[in-house]
């Protein structure tokens, strides 16, 4: 995978060739596949961090504790979303953004 920024090109022709490859249909599909792999990886990893809080949803607690149970479940979902969003964004920037991808190299995101 080769990473290129707009400042890395010596000539406008190089920048134009990179941009035309970067916006091609195959590159968009590879970026989408990479994003799906990253989101799946971090989504499952995030579940390992918040699963104890989600188990509380299945515990039968009397009346007043139901509100606490709902609060803990919403905190678990918020923590999971925050973990997944930050991790996916960081990995997308590191492995996919501004790169010409090859299908054989897409598993590096895992």
PDB file of N, CA and C in Angstrom:
ATOM      1  N   UNK A   1       0.847  -1.174   0.000  1.00  0.00           N
ATOM      2  CA  UNK A   1       0.000   0.000   0.000  1.00  0.00           C
ATOM      3  C   UNK A   1       0.889   1.233   0.000  1.00  0.00           C
ATOM      4  N   UNK A   2       0.583   2.156  -0.840  1.00  0.00           N
ATOM      5  CA  UNK A   2       1.380   3.378  -0.888  1.00  0.00           C
ATOM      6  C   UNK A   2       0.521   4.545  -0.448  1.00  0.00           C
ATOM      7  N   UNK A   3       1.065   5.298   0.482  1.00  0.00           N
ATOM      8  CA  UNK A   3       0.326   6.438   1.005  1.00  0.00           C
ATOM      9  C   UNK A   3       0.827   7.699   0.325  1.00  0.00           C
ATOM     10  N   UNK A   4      -0.094   8.531  -0.078  1.00  0.00           N
ATOM     11  CA  UNK A   4       0.261   9.774  -0.736  1.00  0.00           C
ATOM     12  C   UNK A   4      -0.620  10.888  -0.190  1.00  0.00           C
ATOM     13  N   UNK A   5      -0.011  12.002   0.100  1.00  0.00           N
ATOM     14  CA  UNK A   5      -0.745  13.207   0.454  1.00  0.00           C
ATOM     15  C   UNK A   5      -0.601  14.196  -0.696  1.00  0.00           C
ATOM     16  N   UNK A   6      -1.385  15.229  -0.673  1.00  0.00           N
ATOM     17  CA  UNK A   6      -1.337  16.199  -1.756  1.00  0.00           C
ATOM     18  C   UNK A   6       0.024  16.880  -1.847  1.00  0.00           C
ATOM     19  N   UNK A   7       0.746  17.004  -0.731  1.00  0.00           N
ATOM     20  CA  UNK A   7       2.038  17.671  -0.725  1.00  0.00           C
ATOM     21  C   UNK A   7       3.170  16.755  -1.179  1.00  0.00           C
ATOM     22  N   UNK A   8       2.931  15.448  -1.296  1.00  0.00           N
ATOM     23  CA  UNK A   8       3.973  14.488  -1.631  1.00  0.00           C
ATOM     24  C   UNK A   8       4.265  14.402  -3.120  1.00  0.00           C
ATOM     25  N   UNK A   9       3.471  15.010  -3.944  1.00  0.00           N
ATOM     26  CA  UNK A   9       3.650  14.903  -5.387  1.00  0.00           C
ATOM     27  C   UNK A   9       4.552  16.016  -5.888  1.00  0.00           C
ATOM     28  N   UNK A  10       5.475  15.645  -6.785  1.00  0.00           N
ATOM     29  CA  UNK A  10       6.364  16.650  -7.370  1.00  0.00           C
ATOM     30  C   UNK A  10       5.705  17.363  -8.546  1.00  0.00           C
ATOM     31  N   UNK A  11       4.824  16.653  -9.246  1.00  0.00           N
ATOM     32  CA  UNK A  11       4.204  17.218 -10.443  1.00  0.00           C
ATOM     33  C   UNK A  11       2.690  17.054 -10.364  1.00  0.00           C
ATOM     34  N   UNK A  12       2.020  17.917 -11.077  1.00  0.00           N
ATOM     35  CA  UNK A  12       0.560  17.839 -11.129  1.00  0.00           C
ATOM     36  C   UNK A  12       0.091  16.567 -11.810  1.00  0.00           C
ATOM     37  N   UNK A  13       0.878  16.053 -12.737  1.00  0.00           N
ATOM     38  CA  UNK A  13       0.515  14.821 -13.436  1.00  0.00           C
ATOM     39  C   UNK A  13       0.467  13.643 -12.461  1.00  0.00           C
ATOM     40  N   UNK A  14       1.440  13.570 -11.558  1.00  0.00           N
ATOM     41  CA  UNK A  14       1.434  12.506 -10.552  1.00  0.00           C
ATOM     42  C   UNK A  14       0.191  12.595  -9.673  1.00  0.00           C
ATOM     43  N   UNK A  15      -0.148  13.804  -9.255  1.00  0.00           N
ATOM     44  CA  UNK A  15      -1.328  14.001  -8.412  1.00  0.00           C
ATOM     45  C   UNK A  15      -2.596  13.614  -9.160  1.00  0.00           C
ATOM     46  N   UNK A  16      -2.678  13.957 -10.447  1.00  0.00           N
ATOM     47  CA  UNK A  16      -3.864  13.629 -11.232  1.00  0.00           C
ATOM     48  C   UNK A  16      -4.005  12.120 -11.426  1.00  0.00           C
ATOM     49  N   UNK A  17      -2.884  11.436 -11.664  1.00  0.00           N
ATOM     50  CA  UNK A  17      -2.935   9.981 -11.827  1.00  0.00           C
ATOM     51  C   UNK A  17      -3.354   9.317 -10.519  1.00  0.00           C
ATOM     52  N   UNK A  18      -2.775   9.780  -9.410  1.00  0.00           N
ATOM     53  CA  UNK A  18      -3.163   9.225  -8.112  1.00  0.00           C
ATOM     54  C   UNK A  18      -4.649   9.440  -7.846  1.00  0.00           C
ATOM     55  N   UNK A  19      -5.141  10.656  -8.082  1.00  0.00           N
ATOM     56  CA  UNK A  19      -6.558  10.955  -7.834  1.00  0.00           C
ATOM     57  C   UNK A  19      -7.459  10.099  -8.707  1.00  0.00           C
ATOM     58  N   UNK A  20      -7.079   9.889  -9.977  1.00  0.00           N
ATOM     59  CA  UNK A  20      -7.937   9.089 -10.853  1.00  0.00           C
ATOM     60  C   UNK A  20      -7.973   7.636 -10.394  1.00  0.00           C
ATOM     61  N   UNK A  21      -6.866   7.112  -9.914  1.00  0.00           N
ATOM     62  CA  UNK A  21      -6.868   5.750  -9.361  1.00  0.00           C
ATOM     63  C   UNK A  21      -7.642   5.695  -8.056  1.00  0.00           C
ATOM     64  N   UNK A  22      -7.474   6.706  -7.216  1.00  0.00           N
ATOM     65  CA  UNK A  22      -8.080   6.711  -5.887  1.00  0.00           C
ATOM     66  C   UNK A  22      -9.604   6.748  -5.954  1.00  0.00           C
ATOM     67  N   UNK A  23     -10.160   7.435  -6.922  1.00  0.00           N
ATOM     68  CA  UNK A  23     -11.624   7.554  -7.006  1.00  0.00           C
ATOM     69  C   UNK A  23     -12.250   6.499  -7.905  1.00  0.00           C
ATOM     70  N   UNK A  24     -11.450   5.553  -8.381  1.00  0.00           N
ATOM     71  CA  UNK A  24     -12.003   4.510  -9.245  1.00  0.00           C
ATOM     72  C   UNK A  24     -12.948   3.600  -8.464  1.00  0.00           C
ATOM     73  N   UNK A  25     -13.798   2.916  -9.198  1.00  0.00           N
ATOM     74  CA  UNK A  25     -14.809   2.057  -8.577  1.00  0.00           C
ATOM     75  C   UNK A  25     -14.168   0.924  -7.770  1.00  0.00           C
ATOM     76  N   UNK A  26     -13.116   0.318  -8.290  1.00  0.00           N
ATOM     77  CA  UNK A  26     -12.473  -0.787  -7.570  1.00  0.00           C
ATOM     78  C   UNK A  26     -11.850  -0.309  -6.263  1.00  0.00           C
ATOM     79  N   UNK A  27     -11.274   0.885  -6.269  1.00  0.00           N
ATOM     80  CA  UNK A  27     -10.689   1.413  -5.034  1.00  0.00           C
ATOM     81  C   UNK A  27     -11.773   1.767  -4.019  1.00  0.00           C
ATOM     82  N   UNK A  28     -12.900   2.281  -4.484  1.00  0.00           N
ATOM     83  CA  UNK A  28     -14.002   2.580  -3.555  1.00  0.00           C
ATOM     84  C   UNK A  28     -14.518   1.299  -2.917  1.00  0.00           C
ATOM     85  N   UNK A  29     -14.629   0.233  -3.716  1.00  0.00           N
ATOM     86  CA  UNK A  29     -15.087  -1.053  -3.163  1.00  0.00           C
ATOM     87  C   UNK A  29     -14.076  -1.623  -2.177  1.00  0.00           C
ATOM     88  N   UNK A  30     -12.798  -1.504  -2.485  1.00  0.00           N
ATOM     89  CA  UNK A  30     -11.774  -1.986  -1.554  1.00  0.00           C
ATOM     90  C   UNK A  30     -11.763  -1.171  -0.260  1.00  0.00           C
ATOM     91  N   UNK A  31     -11.976   0.147  -0.359  1.00  0.00           N
ATOM     92  CA  UNK A  31     -12.054   0.970   0.859  1.00  0.00           C
ATOM     93  C   UNK A  31     -13.284   0.596   1.685  1.00  0.00           C
ATOM     94  N   UNK A  32     -14.400   0.317   1.021  1.00  0.00           N
ATOM     95  CA  UNK A  32     -15.607  -0.102   1.724  1.00  0.00           C
ATOM     96  C   UNK A  32     -15.407  -1.458   2.395  1.00  0.00           C
ATOM     97  N   UNK A  33     -14.770  -2.393   1.703  1.00  0.00           N
ATOM     98  CA  UNK A  33     -14.468  -3.690   2.288  1.00  0.00           C
ATOM     99  C   UNK A  33     -13.529  -3.549   3.483  1.00  0.00           C
ATOM    100  N   UNK A  34     -12.515  -2.723   3.344  1.00  0.00           N
ATOM    101  CA  UNK A  34     -11.596  -2.475   4.459  1.00  0.00           C
ATOM    102  C   UNK A  34     -12.301  -1.853   5.649  1.00  0.00           C
ATOM    103  N   UNK A  35     -13.191  -0.908   5.387  1.00  0.00           N
ATOM    104  CA  UNK A  35     -13.948  -0.280   6.465  1.00  0.00           C
ATOM    105  C   UNK A  35     -14.853  -1.285   7.161  1.00  0.00           C
ATOM    106  N   UNK A  36     -15.487  -2.171   6.402  1.00  0.00           N
ATOM    107  CA  UNK A  36     -16.346  -3.198   6.998  1.00  0.00           C
ATOM    108  C   UNK A  36     -15.527  -4.162   7.855  1.00  0.00           C
ATOM    109  N   UNK A  37     -14.345  -4.545   7.384  1.00  0.00           N
ATOM    110  CA  UNK A  37     -13.488  -5.427   8.180  1.00  0.00           C
ATOM    111  C   UNK A  37     -13.030  -4.752   9.471  1.00  0.00           C
ATOM    112  N   UNK A  38     -12.658  -3.488   9.371  1.00  0.00           N
ATOM    113  CA  UNK A  38     -12.226  -2.753  10.563  1.00  0.00           C
ATOM    114  C   UNK A  38     -13.381  -2.596  11.543  1.00  0.00           C
ATOM    115  N   UNK A  39     -14.567  -2.241  11.040  1.00  0.00           N
ATOM    116  CA  UNK A  39     -15.725  -2.062  11.926  1.00  0.00           C
ATOM    117  C   UNK A  39     -16.109  -3.385  12.592  1.00  0.00           C
ATOM    118  N   UNK A  40     -16.058  -4.481  11.854  1.00  0.00           N
ATOM    119  CA  UNK A  40     -16.353  -5.783  12.448  1.00  0.00           C
ATOM    120  C   UNK A  40     -15.344  -6.161  13.509  1.00  0.00           C
ATOM    121  N   UNK A  41     -14.079  -5.928  13.216  1.00  0.00           N
ATOM    122  CA  UNK A  41     -13.016  -6.263  14.171  1.00  0.00           C
ATOM    123  C   UNK A  41     -13.186  -5.485  15.468  1.00  0.00           C
ATOM    124  N   UNK A  42     -13.365  -4.190  15.362  1.00  0.00           N
ATOM    125  CA  UNK A  42     -13.473  -3.370  16.564  1.00  0.00           C
ATOM    126  C   UNK A  42     -14.838  -3.507  17.232  1.00  0.00           C
ATOM    127  N   UNK A  43     -15.867  -3.816  16.452  1.00  0.00           N
ATOM    128  CA  UNK A  43     -17.183  -4.053  17.052  1.00  0.00           C
ATOM    129  C   UNK A  43     -17.167  -5.268  17.957  1.00  0.00           C
ATOM    130  N   UNK A  44     -16.575  -6.355  17.479  1.00  0.00           N
ATOM    131  CA  UNK A  44     -16.481  -7.563  18.309  1.00  0.00           C
ATOM    132  C   UNK A  44     -15.533  -7.360  19.480  1.00  0.00           C
ATOM    133  N   UNK A  45     -14.439  -6.663  19.253  1.00  0.00           N
ATOM    134  CA  UNK A  45     -13.507  -6.398  20.346  1.00  0.00           C
ATOM    135  C   UNK A  45     -14.166  -5.521  21.417  1.00  0.00           C
ATOM    136  N   UNK A  46     -14.972  -4.567  20.985  1.00  0.00           N
ATOM    137  CA  UNK A  46     -15.661  -3.700  21.937  1.00  0.00           C
ATOM    138  C   UNK A  46     -16.678  -4.456  22.776  1.00  0.00           C
ATOM    139  N   UNK A  47     -17.291  -5.483  22.199  1.00  0.00           N
ATOM    140  CA  UNK A  47     -18.253  -6.278  22.969  1.00  0.00           C
ATOM    141  C   UNK A  47     -17.588  -6.976  24.147  1.00  0.00           C
ATOM    142  N   UNK A  48     -16.329  -7.349  23.992  1.00  0.00           N
ATOM    143  CA  UNK A  48     -15.625  -7.993  25.096  1.00  0.00           C
ATOM    144  C   UNK A  48     -15.440  -7.052  26.277  1.00  0.00           C
ATOM    145  N   UNK A  49     -15.345  -5.753  26.015  1.00  0.00           N
ATOM    146  CA  UNK A  49     -15.166  -4.786  27.091  1.00  0.00           C
ATOM    147  C   UNK A  49     -16.463  -4.473  27.832  1.00  0.00           C
ATOM    148  N   UNK A  50     -17.591  -4.508  27.142  1.00  0.00           N
ATOM    149  CA  UNK A  50     -18.840  -4.069  27.769  1.00  0.00           C
ATOM    150  C   UNK A  50     -19.808  -5.209  28.063  1.00  0.00           C
ATOM    151  N   UNK A  51     -19.438  -6.461  27.807  1.00  0.00           N
ATOM    152  CA  UNK A  51     -20.391  -7.553  27.993  1.00  0.00           C
ATOM    153  C   UNK A  51     -20.847  -7.716  29.442  1.00  0.00           C
ATOM    154  N   UNK A  52     -20.033  -7.425  30.473  1.00  0.00           N
ATOM    155  CA  UNK A  52     -20.585  -7.556  31.833  1.00  0.00           C
ATOM    156  C   UNK A  52     -21.750  -6.595  32.092  1.00  0.00           C
ATOM    157  N   UNK A  53     -21.677  -5.387  31.550  1.00  0.00           N
ATOM    158  CA  UNK A  53     -22.775  -4.444  31.737  1.00  0.00           C
ATOM    159  C   UNK A  53     -24.018  -4.857  30.960  1.00  0.00           C
ATOM    160  N   UNK A  54     -23.825  -5.461  29.811  1.00  0.00           N
ATOM    161  CA  UNK A  54     -24.991  -5.890  29.045  1.00  0.00           C
ATOM    162  C   UNK A  54     -25.656  -7.109  29.673  1.00  0.00           C
ATOM    163  N   UNK A  55     -24.914  -7.909  30.417  1.00  0.00           N
ATOM    164  CA  UNK A  55     -25.528  -9.044  31.109  1.00  0.00           C
ATOM    165  C   UNK A  55     -26.506  -8.586  32.189  1.00  0.00           C
ATOM    166  N   UNK A  56     -26.282  -7.395  32.735  1.00  0.00           N
ATOM    167  CA  UNK A  56     -27.196  -6.872  33.745  1.00  0.00           C
ATOM    168  C   UNK A  56     -28.599  -6.645  33.183  1.00  0.00           C
ATOM    169  N   UNK A  57     -28.703  -6.492  31.891  1.00  0.00           N
ATOM    170  CA  UNK A  57     -30.014  -6.311  31.280  1.00  0.00           C
ATOM    171  C   UNK A  57     -30.885  -7.547  31.470  1.00  0.00           C
ATOM    172  N   UNK A  58     -30.273  -8.708  31.545  1.00  0.00           N
ATOM    173  CA  UNK A  58     -31.025  -9.956  31.660  1.00  0.00           C
ATOM    174  C   UNK A  58     -31.293 -10.362  33.102  1.00  0.00           C
ATOM    175  N   UNK A  59     -30.738  -9.629  34.059  1.00  0.00           N
ATOM    176  CA  UNK A  59     -30.979  -9.926  35.470  1.00  0.00           C
ATOM    177  C   UNK A  59     -32.311  -9.311  35.871  1.00  0.00           C
ATOM    178  N   UNK A  60     -33.154 -10.081  36.542  1.00  0.00           N
ATOM    179  CA  UNK A  60     -34.459  -9.587  36.973  1.00  0.00           C
ATOM    180  C   UNK A  60     -34.310  -8.878  38.309  1.00  0.00           C
ATOM    181  N   UNK A  61     -34.432  -7.552  38.289  1.00  0.00           N
ATOM    182  CA  UNK A  61     -34.313  -6.747  39.505  1.00  0.00           C
ATOM    183  C   UNK A  61     -35.671  -6.148  39.835  1.00  0.00           C
ATOM    184  N   UNK A  62     -35.983  -5.976  41.121  1.00  0.00           N
ATOM    185  CA  UNK A  62     -37.284  -5.400  41.493  1.00  0.00           C
ATOM    186  C   UNK A  62     -37.382  -3.922  41.128  1.00  0.00           C
ATOM    187  N   UNK A  63     -38.594  -3.461  40.970  1.00  0.00           N
ATOM    188  CA  UNK A  63     -39.040  -2.121  40.601  1.00  0.00           C
ATOM    189  C   UNK A  63     -38.026  -1.014  40.400  1.00  0.00           C
ATOM    190  N   UNK A  64     -37.543  -0.424  41.500  1.00  0.00           N
ATOM    191  CA  UNK A  64     -36.683   0.758  41.409  1.00  0.00           C
ATOM    192  C   UNK A  64     -35.359   0.441  40.724  1.00  0.00           C
ATOM    193  N   UNK A  65     -34.932  -0.789  40.751  1.00  0.00           N
ATOM    194  CA  UNK A  65     -33.668  -1.170  40.140  1.00  0.00           C
ATOM    195  C   UNK A  65     -33.774  -1.239  38.615  1.00  0.00           C
ATOM    196  N   UNK A  66     -34.988  -1.265  38.105  1.00  0.00           N
ATOM    197  CA  UNK A  66     -35.165  -1.333  36.657  1.00  0.00           C
ATOM    198  C   UNK A  66     -34.589  -0.091  35.981  1.00  0.00           C
ATOM    199  N   UNK A  67     -34.743   1.069  36.629  1.00  0.00           N
ATOM    200  CA  UNK A  67     -34.181   2.297  36.077  1.00  0.00           C
ATOM    201  C   UNK A  67     -32.649   2.239  36.083  1.00  0.00           C
ATOM    202  N   UNK A  68     -32.089   1.692  37.149  1.00  0.00           N
ATOM    203  CA  UNK A  68     -30.644   1.535  37.218  1.00  0.00           C
ATOM    204  C   UNK A  68     -30.148   0.572  36.129  1.00  0.00           C
ATOM    205  N   UNK A  69     -30.908  -0.483  35.914  1.00  0.00           N
ATOM    206  CA  UNK A  69     -30.556  -1.441  34.883  1.00  0.00           C
ATOM    207  C   UNK A  69     -30.561  -0.782  33.501  1.00  0.00           C
ATOM    208  N   UNK A  70     -31.551   0.037  33.237  1.00  0.00           N
ATOM    209  CA  UNK A  70     -31.623   0.745  31.966  1.00  0.00           C
ATOM    210  C   UNK A  70     -30.469   1.741  31.820  1.00  0.00           C
ATOM    211  N   UNK A  71     -30.118   2.404  32.916  1.00  0.00           N
ATOM    212  CA  UNK A  71     -28.998   3.337  32.892  1.00  0.00           C
ATOM    213  C   UNK A  71     -27.686   2.610  32.595  1.00  0.00           C
ATOM    214  N   UNK A  72     -27.466   1.472  33.246  1.00  0.00           N
ATOM    215  CA  UNK A  72     -26.246   0.710  33.008  1.00  0.00           C
ATOM    216  C   UNK A  72     -26.182   0.178  31.579  1.00  0.00           C
ATOM    217  N   UNK A  73     -27.308  -0.238  31.056  1.00  0.00           N
ATOM    218  CA  UNK A  73     -27.332  -0.712  29.671  1.00  0.00           C
ATOM    219  C   UNK A  73     -27.020   0.418  28.696  1.00  0.00           C
ATOM    220  N   UNK A  74     -27.573   1.593  28.948  1.00  0.00           N
ATOM    221  CA  UNK A  74     -27.289   2.720  28.057  1.00  0.00           C
ATOM    222  C   UNK A  74     -25.828   3.159  28.172  1.00  0.00           C
ATOM    223  N   UNK A  75     -25.244   3.065  29.370  1.00  0.00           N
ATOM    224  CA  UNK A  75     -23.819   3.358  29.516  1.00  0.00           C
ATOM    225  C   UNK A  75     -22.968   2.349  28.765  1.00  0.00           C
ATOM    226  N   UNK A  76     -23.373   1.081  28.798  1.00  0.00           N
ATOM    227  CA  UNK A  76     -22.633   0.044  28.075  1.00  0.00           C
ATOM    228  C   UNK A  76     -22.679   0.302  26.572  1.00  0.00           C
ATOM    229  N   UNK A  77     -23.834   0.670  26.065  1.00  0.00           N
ATOM    230  CA  UNK A  77     -23.960   0.948  24.633  1.00  0.00           C
ATOM    231  C   UNK A  77     -23.161   2.191  24.257  1.00  0.00           C
ATOM    232  N   UNK A  78     -23.206   3.219  25.095  1.00  0.00           N
ATOM    233  CA  UNK A  78     -22.438   4.439  24.819  1.00  0.00           C
ATOM    234  C   UNK A  78     -20.938   4.157  24.832  1.00  0.00           C
ATOM    235  N   UNK A  79     -20.475   3.377  25.795  1.00  0.00           N
ATOM    236  CA  UNK A  79     -19.053   3.031  25.862  1.00  0.00           C
ATOM    237  C   UNK A  79     -18.652   2.215  24.645  1.00  0.00           C
ATOM    238  N   UNK A  80     -19.492   1.290  24.237  1.00  0.00           N
ATOM    239  CA  UNK A  80     -19.194   0.463  23.073  1.00  0.00           C
ATOM    240  C   UNK A  80     -19.109   1.316  21.809  1.00  0.00           C
ATOM    241  N   UNK A  81     -20.061   2.214  21.637  1.00  0.00           N
ATOM    242  CA  UNK A  81     -20.054   3.077  20.454  1.00  0.00           C
ATOM    243  C   UNK A  81     -18.827   3.987  20.430  1.00  0.00           C
ATOM    244  N   UNK A  82     -18.459   4.519  21.593  1.00  0.00           N
ATOM    245  CA  UNK A  82     -17.286   5.393  21.671  1.00  0.00           C
ATOM    246  C   UNK A  82     -16.018   4.616  21.340  1.00  0.00           C
ATOM    247  N   UNK A  83     -15.902   3.414  21.872  1.00  0.00           N
ATOM    248  CA  UNK A  83     -14.734   2.583  21.606  1.00  0.00           C
ATOM    249  C   UNK A  83     -14.647   2.237  20.122  1.00  0.00           C
ATOM    250  N   UNK A  84     -15.754   1.820  19.559  1.00  0.00           N
ATOM    251  CA  UNK A  84     -15.769   1.408  18.160  1.00  0.00           C
ATOM    252  C   UNK A  84     -15.485   2.594  17.247  1.00  0.00           C
ATOM    253  N   UNK A  85     -16.123   3.727  17.490  1.00  0.00           N
ATOM    254  CA  UNK A  85     -15.942   4.889  16.613  1.00  0.00           C
ATOM    255  C   UNK A  85     -14.488   5.351  16.602  1.00  0.00           C
ATOM    256  N   UNK A  86     -13.894   5.483  17.775  1.00  0.00           N
ATOM    257  CA  UNK A  86     -12.509   5.951  17.841  1.00  0.00           C
ATOM    258  C   UNK A  86     -11.542   4.974  17.209  1.00  0.00           C
ATOM    259  N   UNK A  87     -11.720   3.706  17.469  1.00  0.00           N
ATOM    260  CA  UNK A  87     -10.819   2.692  16.934  1.00  0.00           C
ATOM    261  C   UNK A  87     -10.949   2.559  15.424  1.00  0.00           C
ATOM    262  N   UNK A  88     -12.170   2.583  14.923  1.00  0.00           N
ATOM    263  CA  UNK A  88     -12.383   2.476  13.470  1.00  0.00           C
ATOM    264  C   UNK A  88     -11.793   3.691  12.770  1.00  0.00           C
ATOM    265  N   UNK A  89     -12.000   4.860  13.318  1.00  0.00           N
ATOM    266  CA  UNK A  89     -11.452   6.077  12.707  1.00  0.00           C
ATOM    267  C   UNK A  89      -9.924   6.030  12.668  1.00  0.00           C
ATOM    268  N   UNK A  90      -9.291   5.607  13.760  1.00  0.00           N
ATOM    269  CA  UNK A  90      -7.828   5.540  13.799  1.00  0.00           C
ATOM    270  C   UNK A  90      -7.285   4.514  12.810  1.00  0.00           C
ATOM    271  N   UNK A  91      -7.885   3.333  12.770  1.00  0.00           N
ATOM    272  CA  UNK A  91      -7.417   2.305  11.837  1.00  0.00           C
ATOM    273  C   UNK A  91      -7.692   2.683  10.388  1.00  0.00           C
ATOM    274  N   UNK A  92      -8.804   3.352  10.118  1.00  0.00           N
ATOM    275  CA  UNK A  92      -9.097   3.804   8.753  1.00  0.00           C
ATOM    276  C   UNK A  92      -8.028   4.795   8.302  1.00  0.00           C
ATOM    277  N   UNK A  93      -7.679   5.728   9.181  1.00  0.00           N
ATOM    278  CA  UNK A  93      -6.643   6.698   8.831  1.00  0.00           C
ATOM    279  C   UNK A  93      -5.293   6.023   8.621  1.00  0.00           C
ATOM    280  N   UNK A  94      -5.001   4.992   9.413  1.00  0.00           N
ATOM    281  CA  UNK A  94      -3.698   4.337   9.348  1.00  0.00           C
ATOM    282  C   UNK A  94      -3.578   3.398   8.147  1.00  0.00           C
ATOM    283  N   UNK A  95      -4.636   2.662   7.806  1.00  0.00           N
ATOM    284  CA  UNK A  95      -4.527   1.621   6.788  1.00  0.00           C
ATOM    285  C   UNK A  95      -5.170   1.948   5.442  1.00  0.00           C
ATOM    286  N   UNK A  96      -6.149   2.837   5.396  1.00  0.00           N
ATOM    287  CA  UNK A  96      -6.951   2.981   4.173  1.00  0.00           C
ATOM    288  C   UNK A  96      -6.900   4.387   3.575  1.00  0.00           C
ATOM    289  N   UNK A  97      -6.963   5.397   4.388  1.00  0.00           N
ATOM    290  CA  UNK A  97      -7.081   6.769   3.898  1.00  0.00           C
ATOM    291  C   UNK A  97      -5.864   7.159   3.056  1.00  0.00           C
ATOM    292  N   UNK A  98      -6.126   7.743   1.903  1.00  0.00           N
ATOM    293  CA  UNK A  98      -5.100   8.251   0.976  1.00  0.00           C
ATOM    294  C   UNK A  98      -4.129   7.176   0.514  1.00  0.00           C
ATOM    295  N   UNK A  99      -4.618   5.971   0.294  1.00  0.00           N
ATOM    296  CA  UNK A  99      -3.778   4.884  -0.189  1.00  0.00           C
ATOM    297  C   UNK A  99      -4.421   4.231  -1.402  1.00  0.00           C
ATOM    298  N   UNK A 100      -3.573   3.733  -2.288  1.00  0.00           N
ATOM    299  CA  UNK A 100      -4.026   2.892  -3.378  1.00  0.00           C
ATOM    300  C   UNK A 100      -3.950   1.463  -2.861  1.00  0.00           C
ATOM    301  N   UNK A 101      -5.094   0.805  -2.730  1.00  0.00           N
ATOM    302  CA  UNK A 101      -5.172  -0.511  -2.107  1.00  0.00           C
ATOM    303  C   UNK A 101      -5.115  -1.620  -3.150  1.00  0.00           C
ATOM    304  N   UNK A 102      -4.595  -2.762  -2.715  1.00  0.00           N
ATOM    305  CA  UNK A 102      -4.654  -3.987  -3.515  1.00  0.00           C
ATOM    306  C   UNK A 102      -5.458  -4.998  -2.722  1.00  0.00           C
ATOM    307  N   UNK A 103      -6.188  -5.841  -3.439  1.00  0.00           N
ATOM    308  CA  UNK A 103      -7.037  -6.810  -2.753  1.00  0.00           C
ATOM    309  C   UNK A 103      -6.224  -7.751  -1.866  1.00  0.00           C
ATOM    310  N   UNK A 104      -5.029  -8.106  -2.305  1.00  0.00           N
ATOM    311  CA  UNK A 104      -4.199  -9.040  -1.523  1.00  0.00           C
ATOM    312  C   UNK A 104      -3.682  -8.410  -0.234  1.00  0.00           C
ATOM    313  N   UNK A 105      -3.660  -7.086  -0.162  1.00  0.00           N
ATOM    314  CA  UNK A 105      -3.155  -6.400   1.027  1.00  0.00           C
ATOM    315  C   UNK A 105      -4.269  -5.975   1.990  1.00  0.00           C
ATOM    316  N   UNK A 106      -5.513  -6.250   1.649  1.00  0.00           N
ATOM    317  CA  UNK A 106      -6.625  -5.737   2.451  1.00  0.00           C
ATOM    318  C   UNK A 106      -6.693  -6.409   3.823  1.00  0.00           C
ATOM    319  N   UNK A 107      -6.147  -7.615   3.954  1.00  0.00           N
ATOM    320  CA  UNK A 107      -6.208  -8.284   5.251  1.00  0.00           C
ATOM    321  C   UNK A 107      -5.252  -7.693   6.270  1.00  0.00           C
ATOM    322  N   UNK A 108      -4.396  -6.750   5.857  1.00  0.00           N
ATOM    323  CA  UNK A 108      -3.534  -6.070   6.812  1.00  0.00           C
ATOM    324  C   UNK A 108      -4.326  -5.245   7.809  1.00  0.00           C
ATOM    325  N   UNK A 109      -5.548  -4.902   7.471  1.00  0.00           N
ATOM    326  CA  UNK A 109      -6.356  -4.110   8.394  1.00  0.00           C
ATOM    327  C   UNK A 109      -6.795  -4.931   9.604  1.00  0.00           C
ATOM    328  N   UNK A 110      -6.754  -6.251   9.489  1.00  0.00           N
ATOM    329  CA  UNK A 110      -7.124  -7.102  10.610  1.00  0.00           C
ATOM    330  C   UNK A 110      -5.948  -7.244  11.534  1.00  0.00           C
TER     331      UNK A 110
END
